[in-house]
Amino acid sequence: QVQLVESGGGLVQPGGSLRLSCAASGFALDDYTVTWFRQAPGKQREAVSCINRGDDNIRYSDSVKGRFTISRDNAKNTIHLQMNSLKPEDTAVYYCAADDYRLCGELNVPTLPYEYWGRGTPVTVSS
């Protein structure tokens, strides 16, 4: 089957870390640009990081730059988002999305729809 599945979310204290995973089935993520999004209650969905297909160029939003790291594990057909120094404002449901035509540019600018979406993994940062 063709799908994306996020995992790794949970409850963490401020200053802590989590590593999210986005695993693909039925297609090769190596051929796809992948973006991590998050959505908090009452707020619009926000793109936080993107990794290009092909050249693996990376983009981060200003809100997570220096704290989050996106990476590929092609052997496992998986994208990771390492999240460090977490803040309460990072609390959200985190989603990955992929397509084979997009290249990472300016984040959070409306563009063509993504081909594949996961259903999300919730992250709560609270003491």
C-alpha atoms as a PDB file:
ATOM      1  CA  GLN A   1       0.000   0.000   0.000  1.00  0.00           C
ATOM      2  CA  VAL A   2       1.068   3.598  -0.562  1.00  0.00           C
ATOM      3  CA  GLN A   3       1.205   5.573   2.667  1.00  0.00           C
ATOM      4  CA  LEU A   4       3.220   7.713   5.071  1.00  0.00           C
ATOM      5  CA  VAL A   5       3.193   6.951   8.793  1.00  0.00           C
ATOM      6  CA  GLU A   6       4.564   9.322  11.432  1.00  0.00           C
ATOM      7  CA  SER A   7       5.770   8.111  14.811  1.00  0.00           C
ATOM      8  CA  GLY A   8       7.834   9.245  17.781  1.00  0.00           C
ATOM      9  CA  GLY A   9       5.584  11.879  19.291  1.00  0.00           C
ATOM     10  CA  GLY A  10       4.673  12.052  22.943  1.00  0.00           C
ATOM     11  CA  LEU A  11       4.921  14.089  26.107  1.00  0.00           C
ATOM     12  CA  VAL A  12       8.220  15.787  26.877  1.00  0.00           C
ATOM     13  CA  GLN A  13       9.323  18.463  29.328  1.00  0.00           C
ATOM     14  CA  PRO A  14      10.548  21.867  28.161  1.00  0.00           C
ATOM     15  CA  GLY A  15      14.170  21.614  27.096  1.00  0.00           C
ATOM     16  CA  GLY A  16      13.805  17.954  26.191  1.00  0.00           C
ATOM     17  CA  SER A  17      14.153  16.152  22.879  1.00  0.00           C
ATOM     18  CA  LEU A  18      12.158  13.896  20.594  1.00  0.00           C
ATOM     19  CA  ARG A  19      12.935  12.234  17.282  1.00  0.00           C
ATOM     20  CA  LEU A  20      10.023  11.946  14.891  1.00  0.00           C
ATOM     21  CA  SER A  21      10.002   9.452  12.035  1.00  0.00           C
ATOM     22  CA  CYS A  22       8.116   9.460   8.743  1.00  0.00           C
ATOM     23  CA  ALA A  23       8.134   6.025   7.138  1.00  0.00           C
ATOM     24  CA  ALA A  24       6.978   5.442   3.569  1.00  0.00           C
ATOM     25  CA  SER A  25       5.405   2.315   2.139  1.00  0.00           C
ATOM     26  CA  GLY A  26       4.780   1.615  -1.529  1.00  0.00           C
ATOM     27  CA  PHE A  27       7.129   4.272  -2.909  1.00  0.00           C
ATOM     28  CA  ALA A  28      10.712   5.429  -2.432  1.00  0.00           C
ATOM     29  CA  LEU A  29      11.106   8.574  -0.337  1.00  0.00           C
ATOM     30  CA  ASP A  30      14.528   9.031  -1.901  1.00  0.00           C
ATOM     31  CA  ASP A  31      12.717  10.308  -5.014  1.00  0.00           C
ATOM     32  CA  TYR A  32      10.501  12.754  -3.088  1.00  0.00           C
ATOM     33  CA  THR A  33      10.766  16.145  -1.489  1.00  0.00           C
ATOM     34  CA  VAL A  34       9.477  15.849   2.085  1.00  0.00           C
ATOM     35  CA  THR A  35       8.137  18.580   4.354  1.00  0.00           C
ATOM     36  CA  TRP A  36       7.371  18.415   8.068  1.00  0.00           C
ATOM     37  CA  PHE A  37       4.324  20.428   9.144  1.00  0.00           C
ATOM     38  CA  ARG A  38       2.771  21.064  12.517  1.00  0.00           C
ATOM     39  CA  GLN A  39      -0.648  22.270  13.577  1.00  0.00           C
ATOM     40  CA  ALA A  40      -1.604  23.482  17.035  1.00  0.00           C
ATOM     41  CA  PRO A  41      -5.207  23.933  18.195  1.00  0.00           C
ATOM     42  CA  GLY A  42      -6.693  27.139  16.835  1.00  0.00           C
ATOM     43  CA  LYS A  43      -3.760  27.804  14.506  1.00  0.00           C
ATOM     44  CA  GLN A  44      -3.141  27.186  10.841  1.00  0.00           C
ATOM     45  CA  ARG A  45      -0.783  24.460   9.707  1.00  0.00           C
ATOM     46  CA  GLU A  46       2.851  25.584   9.673  1.00  0.00           C
ATOM     47  CA  ALA A  47       5.717  24.100   7.661  1.00  0.00           C
ATOM     48  CA  VAL A  48       8.805  23.764   9.846  1.00  0.00           C
ATOM     49  CA  SER A  49      11.305  21.944   7.626  1.00  0.00           C
ATOM     50  CA  CYS A  50      11.791  20.636   4.103  1.00  0.00           C
ATOM     51  CA  ILE A  51      14.344  18.378   2.434  1.00  0.00           C
ATOM     52  CA  ASN A  52      14.700  18.344  -1.356  1.00  0.00           C
ATOM     53  CA  ARG A  53      14.514  15.370  -3.599  1.00  0.00           C
ATOM     54  CA  GLY A  54      17.740  14.832  -5.504  1.00  0.00           C
ATOM     55  CA  ASP A  55      20.188  17.241  -3.923  1.00  0.00           C
ATOM     56  CA  ASP A  56      18.906  17.013  -0.297  1.00  0.00           C
ATOM     57  CA  ASN A  57      18.989  20.774   0.218  1.00  0.00           C
ATOM     58  CA  ILE A  58      17.259  21.676   3.484  1.00  0.00           C
ATOM     59  CA  ARG A  59      15.106  24.542   4.748  1.00  0.00           C
ATOM     60  CA  TYR A  60      13.898  25.408   8.261  1.00  0.00           C
ATOM     61  CA  SER A  61      11.409  27.909   9.571  1.00  0.00           C
ATOM     62  CA  ASP A  62      12.782  30.657  11.782  1.00  0.00           C
ATOM     63  CA  SER A  63      10.859  29.251  14.740  1.00  0.00           C
ATOM     64  CA  VAL A  64      12.797  25.948  14.739  1.00  0.00           C
ATOM     65  CA  LYS A  65      16.124  26.830  13.118  1.00  0.00           C
ATOM     66  CA  GLY A  66      19.022  25.718  15.282  1.00  0.00           C
ATOM     67  CA  ARG A  67      16.851  23.333  17.300  1.00  0.00           C
ATOM     68  CA  PHE A  68      15.408  20.885  14.726  1.00  0.00           C
ATOM     69  CA  THR A  69      17.263  18.727  12.203  1.00  0.00           C
ATOM     70  CA  ILE A  70      15.709  16.910   9.243  1.00  0.00           C
ATOM     71  CA  SER A  71      17.468  13.917   7.695  1.00  0.00           C
ATOM     72  CA  ARG A  72      16.981  10.929   5.417  1.00  0.00           C
ATOM     73  CA  ASP A  73      17.556   7.269   6.199  1.00  0.00           C
ATOM     74  CA  ASN A  74      17.226   5.791   2.736  1.00  0.00           C
ATOM     75  CA  ALA A  75      17.983   2.252   3.902  1.00  0.00           C
ATOM     76  CA  LYS A  76      14.790   2.387   5.978  1.00  0.00           C
ATOM     77  CA  ASN A  77      12.830   4.561   3.522  1.00  0.00           C
ATOM     78  CA  THR A  78      12.334   7.027   6.362  1.00  0.00           C
ATOM     79  CA  ILE A  79      12.679  10.749   7.102  1.00  0.00           C
ATOM     80  CA  HIS A  80      13.537  11.890  10.633  1.00  0.00           C
ATOM     81  CA  LEU A  81      12.987  15.143  12.466  1.00  0.00           C
ATOM     82  CA  GLN A  82      15.256  15.478  15.487  1.00  0.00           C
ATOM     83  CA  MET A  83      13.750  18.070  17.831  1.00  0.00           C
ATOM     84  CA  ASN A  84      15.938  19.484  20.596  1.00  0.00           C
ATOM     85  CA  SER A  85      15.471  22.241  23.170  1.00  0.00           C
ATOM     86  CA  LEU A  86      11.725  21.852  22.914  1.00  0.00           C
ATOM     87  CA  LYS A  87       9.467  24.678  24.018  1.00  0.00           C
ATOM     88  CA  PRO A  88       5.795  24.676  25.024  1.00  0.00           C
ATOM     89  CA  GLU A  89       5.003  26.525  21.790  1.00  0.00           C
ATOM     90  CA  ASP A  90       6.246  23.478  19.858  1.00  0.00           C
ATOM     91  CA  THR A  91       3.177  21.588  21.069  1.00  0.00           C
ATOM     92  CA  ALA A  92       1.242  20.444  17.993  1.00  0.00           C
ATOM     93  CA  VAL A  93       0.372  17.500  15.828  1.00  0.00           C
ATOM     94  CA  TYR A  94       3.294  16.934  13.466  1.00  0.00           C
ATOM     95  CA  TYR A  95       2.724  15.715   9.907  1.00  0.00           C
ATOM     96  CA  CYS A  96       4.973  14.718   7.044  1.00  0.00           C
ATOM     97  CA  ALA A  97       4.057  15.267   3.413  1.00  0.00           C
ATOM     98  CA  ALA A  98       5.796  14.238   0.205  1.00  0.00           C
ATOM     99  CA  ASP A  99       5.695  14.760  -3.523  1.00  0.00           C
ATOM    100  CA  ASP A 100       7.950  14.095  -6.501  1.00  0.00           C
ATOM    101  CA  TYR A 101       7.706  17.489  -8.227  1.00  0.00           C
ATOM    102  CA  ARG A 102       8.242  20.079  -5.472  1.00  0.00           C
ATOM    103  CA  LEU A 103      11.568  21.596  -4.533  1.00  0.00           C
ATOM    104  CA  CYS A 104      12.052  23.281  -1.168  1.00  0.00           C
ATOM    105  CA  GLY A 105      11.689  27.039  -1.373  1.00  0.00           C
ATOM    106  CA  GLU A 106      10.197  29.644   0.905  1.00  0.00           C
ATOM    107  CA  LEU A 107       8.258  27.830   3.618  1.00  0.00           C
ATOM    108  CA  ASN A 108       4.615  28.571   4.387  1.00  0.00           C
ATOM    109  CA  VAL A 109       3.820  30.012   0.978  1.00  0.00           C
ATOM    110  CA  PRO A 110       0.769  28.455  -0.698  1.00  0.00           C
ATOM    111  CA  THR A 111       1.736  26.186  -3.568  1.00  0.00           C
ATOM    112  CA  LEU A 112       0.668  23.011  -5.328  1.00  0.00           C
ATOM    113  CA  PRO A 113      -0.877  20.309  -3.131  1.00  0.00           C
ATOM    114  CA  TYR A 114       1.265  17.497  -1.755  1.00  0.00           C
ATOM    115  CA  GLU A 115       0.852  14.046  -3.216  1.00  0.00           C
ATOM    116  CA  TYR A 116       1.042  12.127   0.080  1.00  0.00           C
ATOM    117  CA  TRP A 117       0.245  12.998   3.701  1.00  0.00           C
ATOM    118  CA  GLY A 118       0.589  11.111   6.929  1.00  0.00           C
ATOM    119  CA  ARG A 119      -2.028  11.284   9.660  1.00  0.00           C
ATOM    120  CA  GLY A 120       0.221  12.937  12.213  1.00  0.00           C
ATOM    121  CA  THR A 121       1.880  12.261  15.543  1.00  0.00           C
ATOM    122  CA  PRO A 122       1.104  14.498  18.537  1.00  0.00           C
ATOM    123  CA  VAL A 123       3.839  16.285  20.469  1.00  0.00           C
ATOM    124  CA  THR A 124       3.140  17.886  23.836  1.00  0.00           C
ATOM    125  CA  VAL A 125       5.807  19.963  25.561  1.00  0.00           C
ATOM    126  CA  SER A 126       4.804  20.597  29.153  1.00  0.00           C
ATOM    127  CA  SER A 127       6.075  20.244  32.689  1.00  0.00           C
END
